[in-house]
Amino acid sequence: MPGKINGETLDVAIIGQGIIGLTLALGLIKRGVNVKVYEQASSLRVTGAGVAFTANAIQCMNLLDPQIVDALRSVATSNGDPANPNDYLRWVDGYSSPAGDDPLEEKLLFKLYAGTKGFEGCHRAHFVEALAALVPEGVVHYSKRLDKIYETGGGEKVVLSFHDGTTASADAGKFFTLLGLNCQSQVLTGKGSGRL
């Protein structure tokens, strides 16, 4: 049954409102899972540079939730020639002599098919904003800087302790996406005092 384990609704906490956190949230919401996203910033403040996604990455996004791909394409541009939408990654030898008569031509070492439309790229901030617009109200909680993660016993719930003194609980730690090395280390290894 979607969103349930042994007949009980699954509660998942996601730390961080970036591309990964929001795409995971949308995929889980689509499957009926209760999701809460905890973000340390006080509001949606996105920064970053250009990002690009391959055809395989876009297929994965589509499997999570087709709306994710729609959000990407609403802000993205694709590389290549519109008349020939197939694109390739090309590795060239820029240190040796030209390959032909053209002095700017470089010897092609390797060519890898990148799919129709190749890479679809955008500014990270624009994509995060488009994803955030798809997340239902009440899912994202701001000003929630994670301080500590600990188990309540019996391995059934984990408790998240935030810097503002509040706590939240969620089902097993294996359902978390924790985008911070200290968080990842603590959850994946089970070592440490619980302090981040």
C-alpha atoms as a PDB file:
ATOM      1  CA  MET A   1       0.000   0.000   0.000  1.00  0.00           C
ATOM      2  CA  PRO A   2       1.526   3.354  -0.992  1.00  0.00           C
ATOM      3  CA  GLY A   3       2.800   5.500   1.871  1.00  0.00           C
ATOM      4  CA  LYS A   4       2.260   2.801   4.493  1.00  0.00           C
ATOM      5  CA  ILE A   5       4.325   0.156   6.252  1.00  0.00           C
ATOM      6  CA  ASN A   6       2.404  -2.607   8.040  1.00  0.00           C
ATOM      7  CA  GLY A   7      -0.759  -0.553   7.566  1.00  0.00           C
ATOM      8  CA  GLU A   8       0.661   2.532   9.272  1.00  0.00           C
ATOM      9  CA  THR A   9       1.312   5.796   7.481  1.00  0.00           C
ATOM     10  CA  LEU A  10       4.974   6.530   6.945  1.00  0.00           C
ATOM     11  CA  ASP A  11       6.285   9.904   8.170  1.00  0.00           C
ATOM     12  CA  VAL A  12       9.444  11.144   6.475  1.00  0.00           C
ATOM     13  CA  ALA A  13      11.540  14.153   7.422  1.00  0.00           C
ATOM     14  CA  ILE A  14      13.802  15.730   4.818  1.00  0.00           C
ATOM     15  CA  ILE A  15      16.545  18.082   5.884  1.00  0.00           C
ATOM     16  CA  GLY A  16      17.200  20.795   3.314  1.00  0.00           C
ATOM     17  CA  GLN A  17      15.082  22.508   0.694  1.00  0.00           C
ATOM     18  CA  GLY A  18      17.463  22.137  -2.223  1.00  0.00           C
ATOM     19  CA  ILE A  19      16.965  20.320  -5.504  1.00  0.00           C
ATOM     20  CA  ILE A  20      17.401  16.873  -3.934  1.00  0.00           C
ATOM     21  CA  GLY A  21      15.224  17.585  -0.905  1.00  0.00           C
ATOM     22  CA  LEU A  22      12.376  18.997  -2.978  1.00  0.00           C
ATOM     23  CA  THR A  23      12.472  16.321  -5.677  1.00  0.00           C
ATOM     24  CA  LEU A  24      12.450  13.605  -3.012  1.00  0.00           C
ATOM     25  CA  ALA A  25       9.567  15.337  -1.224  1.00  0.00           C
ATOM     26  CA  LEU A  26       7.513  15.551  -4.421  1.00  0.00           C
ATOM     27  CA  GLY A  27       8.161  11.902  -5.262  1.00  0.00           C
ATOM     28  CA  LEU A  28       7.129  10.751  -1.787  1.00  0.00           C
ATOM     29  CA  ILE A  29       4.057  13.003  -1.676  1.00  0.00           C
ATOM     30  CA  LYS A  30       2.938  11.525  -5.002  1.00  0.00           C
ATOM     31  CA  ARG A  31       3.050   8.092  -3.330  1.00  0.00           C
ATOM     32  CA  GLY A  32       0.977   9.127  -0.326  1.00  0.00           C
ATOM     33  CA  VAL A  33       3.809   9.486   2.179  1.00  0.00           C
ATOM     34  CA  ASN A  34       3.571  12.155   4.886  1.00  0.00           C
ATOM     35  CA  VAL A  35       6.540  14.448   4.294  1.00  0.00           C
ATOM     36  CA  LYS A  36       7.970  17.375   6.215  1.00  0.00           C
ATOM     37  CA  VAL A  37      10.890  19.381   4.851  1.00  0.00           C
ATOM     38  CA  TYR A  38      12.998  21.239   7.409  1.00  0.00           C
ATOM     39  CA  GLU A  39      15.057  24.159   6.119  1.00  0.00           C
ATOM     40  CA  GLN A  40      17.464  26.198   8.229  1.00  0.00           C
ATOM     41  CA  ALA A  41      16.912  29.422   6.228  1.00  0.00           C
ATOM     42  CA  SER A  42      14.071  31.694   7.334  1.00  0.00           C
ATOM     43  CA  SER A  43      12.511  31.687   3.861  1.00  0.00           C
ATOM     44  CA  LEU A  44      13.083  30.356   0.375  1.00  0.00           C
ATOM     45  CA  ARG A  45      16.457  31.877  -0.426  1.00  0.00           C
ATOM     46  CA  VAL A  46      18.192  30.140  -3.238  1.00  0.00           C
ATOM     47  CA  THR A  47      21.616  30.714  -4.637  1.00  0.00           C
ATOM     48  CA  GLY A  48      23.792  28.865  -7.024  1.00  0.00           C
ATOM     49  CA  ALA A  49      25.025  28.743 -10.524  1.00  0.00           C
ATOM     50  CA  GLY A  50      24.073  26.914 -13.661  1.00  0.00           C
ATOM     51  CA  VAL A  51      23.161  23.253 -13.428  1.00  0.00           C
ATOM     52  CA  ALA A  52      22.427  20.811 -16.229  1.00  0.00           C
ATOM     53  CA  PHE A  53      20.709  17.454 -16.284  1.00  0.00           C
ATOM     54  CA  THR A  54      21.242  14.557 -18.659  1.00  0.00           C
ATOM     55  CA  ALA A  55      18.462  12.599 -20.320  1.00  0.00           C
ATOM     56  CA  ASN A  56      18.909   9.832 -17.707  1.00  0.00           C
ATOM     57  CA  ALA A  57      18.572  12.294 -14.821  1.00  0.00           C
ATOM     58  CA  ILE A  58      15.417  13.687 -16.395  1.00  0.00           C
ATOM     59  CA  GLN A  59      14.006  10.156 -16.753  1.00  0.00           C
ATOM     60  CA  CYS A  60      14.624   9.624 -13.028  1.00  0.00           C
ATOM     61  CA  MET A  61      12.852  12.898 -12.243  1.00  0.00           C
ATOM     62  CA  ASN A  62       9.918  11.750 -14.365  1.00  0.00           C
ATOM     63  CA  LEU A  63       9.702   8.481 -12.416  1.00  0.00           C
ATOM     64  CA  LEU A  64       9.561  10.424  -9.146  1.00  0.00           C
ATOM     65  CA  ASP A  65       6.880  12.814 -10.421  1.00  0.00           C
ATOM     66  CA  PRO A  66       6.341  14.160 -13.960  1.00  0.00           C
ATOM     67  CA  GLN A  67       5.700  17.609 -12.445  1.00  0.00           C
ATOM     68  CA  ILE A  68       9.416  17.765 -11.602  1.00  0.00           C
ATOM     69  CA  VAL A  69      10.308  17.541 -15.288  1.00  0.00           C
ATOM     70  CA  ASP A  70       7.674  20.168 -16.099  1.00  0.00           C
ATOM     71  CA  ALA A  71       9.250  22.455 -13.487  1.00  0.00           C
ATOM     72  CA  LEU A  72      12.704  21.925 -14.971  1.00  0.00           C
ATOM     73  CA  ARG A  73      11.549  22.576 -18.520  1.00  0.00           C
ATOM     74  CA  SER A  74       9.736  25.731 -17.437  1.00  0.00           C
ATOM     75  CA  VAL A  75      13.113  27.294 -16.551  1.00  0.00           C
ATOM     76  CA  ALA A  76      15.619  25.311 -18.648  1.00  0.00           C
ATOM     77  CA  THR A  77      17.242  25.644 -22.010  1.00  0.00           C
ATOM     78  CA  SER A  78      18.768  22.817 -23.971  1.00  0.00           C
ATOM     79  CA  ASN A  79      22.094  22.683 -25.716  1.00  0.00           C
ATOM     80  CA  GLY A  80      22.524  21.955 -29.349  1.00  0.00           C
ATOM     81  CA  ASP A  81      20.977  22.733 -32.657  1.00  0.00           C
ATOM     82  CA  PRO A  82      17.140  22.787 -32.689  1.00  0.00           C
ATOM     83  CA  ALA A  83      17.268  21.304 -36.206  1.00  0.00           C
ATOM     84  CA  ASN A  84      19.310  18.361 -34.853  1.00  0.00           C
ATOM     85  CA  PRO A  85      18.172  17.766 -31.258  1.00  0.00           C
ATOM     86  CA  ASN A  86      20.532  14.835 -30.644  1.00  0.00           C
ATOM     87  CA  ASP A  87      23.503  15.982 -28.607  1.00  0.00           C
ATOM     88  CA  TYR A  88      26.842  14.515 -27.639  1.00  0.00           C
ATOM     89  CA  LEU A  89      29.568  15.100 -25.105  1.00  0.00           C
ATOM     90  CA  ARG A  90      32.825  15.554 -26.937  1.00  0.00           C
ATOM     91  CA  TRP A  91      36.366  15.188 -25.614  1.00  0.00           C
ATOM     92  CA  VAL A  92      39.042  16.805 -27.730  1.00  0.00           C
ATOM     93  CA  ASP A  93      42.815  17.046 -27.606  1.00  0.00           C
ATOM     94  CA  GLY A  94      43.502  20.739 -27.180  1.00  0.00           C
ATOM     95  CA  TYR A  95      47.233  20.347 -26.668  1.00  0.00           C
ATOM     96  CA  SER A  96      48.325  18.688 -29.895  1.00  0.00           C
ATOM     97  CA  SER A  97      48.502  19.935 -33.456  1.00  0.00           C
ATOM     98  CA  PRO A  98      45.267  20.615 -35.331  1.00  0.00           C
ATOM     99  CA  ALA A  99      43.554  17.549 -36.789  1.00  0.00           C
ATOM    100  CA  GLY A 100      42.959  19.029 -40.236  1.00  0.00           C
ATOM    101  CA  ASP A 101      43.383  22.142 -42.326  1.00  0.00           C
ATOM    102  CA  ASP A 102      41.467  24.344 -39.876  1.00  0.00           C
ATOM    103  CA  PRO A 103      43.956  25.635 -37.246  1.00  0.00           C
ATOM    104  CA  LEU A 104      41.129  25.835 -34.675  1.00  0.00           C
ATOM    105  CA  GLU A 105      39.989  22.251 -35.202  1.00  0.00           C
ATOM    106  CA  GLU A 106      41.008  19.878 -32.418  1.00  0.00           C
ATOM    107  CA  LYS A 107      41.367  16.119 -32.617  1.00  0.00           C
ATOM    108  CA  LEU A 108      38.229  14.352 -31.372  1.00  0.00           C
ATOM    109  CA  LEU A 109      39.187  11.779 -28.732  1.00  0.00           C
ATOM    110  CA  PHE A 110      35.780  10.515 -27.682  1.00  0.00           C
ATOM    111  CA  LYS A 111      32.107  11.246 -28.315  1.00  0.00           C
ATOM    112  CA  LEU A 112      29.296  10.139 -25.975  1.00  0.00           C
ATOM    113  CA  TYR A 113      25.617  10.371 -26.859  1.00  0.00           C
ATOM    114  CA  ALA A 114      23.838  12.711 -24.437  1.00  0.00           C
ATOM    115  CA  GLY A 115      20.296  12.101 -25.658  1.00  0.00           C
ATOM    116  CA  THR A 116      17.684  14.122 -27.468  1.00  0.00           C
ATOM    117  CA  LYS A 117      18.071  17.752 -26.425  1.00  0.00           C
ATOM    118  CA  GLY A 118      21.270  16.732 -24.644  1.00  0.00           C
ATOM    119  CA  PHE A 119      21.662  18.545 -21.385  1.00  0.00           C
ATOM    120  CA  GLU A 120      18.818  20.686 -20.148  1.00  0.00           C
ATOM    121  CA  GLY A 121      20.325  23.433 -18.058  1.00  0.00           C
ATOM    122  CA  CYS A 122      19.094  26.263 -15.891  1.00  0.00           C
ATOM    123  CA  HIS A 123      20.087  28.445 -12.984  1.00  0.00           C
ATOM    124  CA  ARG A 124      19.771  26.416  -9.782  1.00  0.00           C
ATOM    125  CA  ALA A 125      17.745  29.167  -8.081  1.00  0.00           C
ATOM    126  CA  HIS A 126      15.112  29.174 -10.813  1.00  0.00           C
ATOM    127  CA  PHE A 127      14.704  25.397 -10.639  1.00  0.00           C
ATOM    128  CA  VAL A 128      14.424  25.376  -6.830  1.00  0.00           C
ATOM    129  CA  GLU A 129      11.769  28.108  -7.007  1.00  0.00           C
ATOM    130  CA  ALA A 130       9.813  26.118  -9.615  1.00  0.00           C
ATOM    131  CA  LEU A 131      10.023  22.970  -7.459  1.00  0.00           C
ATOM    132  CA  ALA A 132       9.032  24.837  -4.286  1.00  0.00           C
ATOM    133  CA  ALA A 133       5.895  26.103  -6.026  1.00  0.00           C
ATOM    134  CA  LEU A 134       4.767  22.465  -6.448  1.00  0.00           C
ATOM    135  CA  VAL A 135       5.155  21.484  -2.792  1.00  0.00           C
ATOM    136  CA  PRO A 136       1.858  21.723  -0.878  1.00  0.00           C
ATOM    137  CA  GLU A 137       1.509  24.381   1.796  1.00  0.00           C
ATOM    138  CA  GLY A 138       2.525  23.230   5.266  1.00  0.00           C
ATOM    139  CA  VAL A 139       5.153  20.742   4.088  1.00  0.00           C
ATOM    140  CA  VAL A 140       8.182  23.052   4.342  1.00  0.00           C
ATOM    141  CA  HIS A 141       9.187  24.411   7.748  1.00  0.00           C
ATOM    142  CA  TYR A 142      11.672  27.290   7.842  1.00  0.00           C
ATOM    143  CA  SER A 143      14.175  28.409  10.493  1.00  0.00           C
ATOM    144  CA  LYS A 144      14.797  24.764  11.423  1.00  0.00           C
ATOM    145  CA  ARG A 145      18.518  24.297  11.825  1.00  0.00           C
ATOM    146  CA  LEU A 146      19.133  20.681  12.792  1.00  0.00           C
ATOM    147  CA  ASP A 147      21.241  20.220  15.922  1.00  0.00           C
ATOM    148  CA  LYS A 148      20.810  16.585  16.852  1.00  0.00           C
ATOM    149  CA  ILE A 149      19.244  13.299  15.754  1.00  0.00           C
ATOM    150  CA  TYR A 150      18.434  10.540  18.226  1.00  0.00           C
ATOM    151  CA  GLU A 151      16.297   7.407  18.452  1.00  0.00           C
ATOM    152  CA  THR A 152      13.388   7.096  20.853  1.00  0.00           C
ATOM    153  CA  GLY A 153      13.974   3.393  21.423  1.00  0.00           C
ATOM    154  CA  GLY A 154      12.816   0.283  19.683  1.00  0.00           C
ATOM    155  CA  GLY A 155      14.117   1.624  16.400  1.00  0.00           C
ATOM    156  CA  GLU A 156      10.706   2.942  15.406  1.00  0.00           C
ATOM    157  CA  LYS A 157      11.114   6.713  15.468  1.00  0.00           C
ATOM    158  CA  VAL A 158      13.930   9.164  15.301  1.00  0.00           C
ATOM    159  CA  VAL A 159      13.715  12.588  16.867  1.00  0.00           C
ATOM    160  CA  LEU A 160      15.125  15.678  15.227  1.00  0.00           C
ATOM    161  CA  SER A 161      16.187  18.398  17.610  1.00  0.00           C
ATOM    162  CA  PHE A 162      16.411  21.891  16.154  1.00  0.00           C
ATOM    163  CA  HIS A 163      18.429  24.920  17.204  1.00  0.00           C
ATOM    164  CA  ASP A 164      15.256  26.840  18.132  1.00  0.00           C
ATOM    165  CA  GLY A 165      14.468  24.249  20.839  1.00  0.00           C
ATOM    166  CA  THR A 166      11.713  22.454  18.941  1.00  0.00           C
ATOM    167  CA  THR A 167      11.690  18.777  17.995  1.00  0.00           C
ATOM    168  CA  ALA A 168      10.049  16.624  15.352  1.00  0.00           C
ATOM    169  CA  SER A 169       9.846  12.875  14.905  1.00  0.00           C
ATOM    170  CA  ALA A 170       9.820  10.662  11.846  1.00  0.00           C
ATOM    171  CA  ASP A 171       9.995   6.998  10.980  1.00  0.00           C
ATOM    172  CA  ALA A 172      13.250   5.084  10.571  1.00  0.00           C
ATOM    173  CA  GLY A 173      16.404   7.020   9.784  1.00  0.00           C
ATOM    174  CA  LYS A 174      16.910   5.137   6.559  1.00  0.00           C
ATOM    175  CA  PHE A 175      14.133   7.239   5.067  1.00  0.00           C
ATOM    176  CA  PHE A 176      16.033  10.502   5.525  1.00  0.00           C
ATOM    177  CA  THR A 177      17.965  12.507   3.015  1.00  0.00           C
ATOM    178  CA  LEU A 178      20.481  14.439   5.040  1.00  0.00           C
ATOM    179  CA  LEU A 179      22.551  16.893   3.101  1.00  0.00           C
ATOM    180  CA  GLY A 180      25.380  17.576   5.468  1.00  0.00           C
ATOM    181  CA  LEU A 181      28.407  15.452   6.115  1.00  0.00           C
ATOM    182  CA  ASN A 182      27.911  15.431   9.869  1.00  0.00           C
ATOM    183  CA  CYS A 183      24.277  14.355   9.448  1.00  0.00           C
ATOM    184  CA  GLN A 184      25.152  11.700   6.895  1.00  0.00           C
ATOM    185  CA  SER A 185      27.943  10.293   9.009  1.00  0.00           C
ATOM    186  CA  GLN A 186      25.784  10.112  12.100  1.00  0.00           C
ATOM    187  CA  VAL A 187      22.856   8.415  10.392  1.00  0.00           C
ATOM    188  CA  LEU A 188      24.813   6.071   8.142  1.00  0.00           C
ATOM    189  CA  THR A 189      27.319   4.872  10.735  1.00  0.00           C
ATOM    190  CA  GLY A 190      25.249   5.205  13.892  1.00  0.00           C
ATOM    191  CA  LYS A 191      28.325   6.663  15.592  1.00  0.00           C
ATOM    192  CA  GLY A 192      28.640   9.878  17.495  1.00  0.00           C
ATOM    193  CA  SER A 193      26.917  11.585  20.341  1.00  0.00           C
ATOM    194  CA  GLY A 194      24.020  12.753  18.232  1.00  0.00           C
ATOM    195  CA  ARG A 195      25.484  16.260  18.233  1.00  0.00           C
ATOM    196  CA  LEU A 196      26.071  17.801  14.825  1.00  0.00           C
END
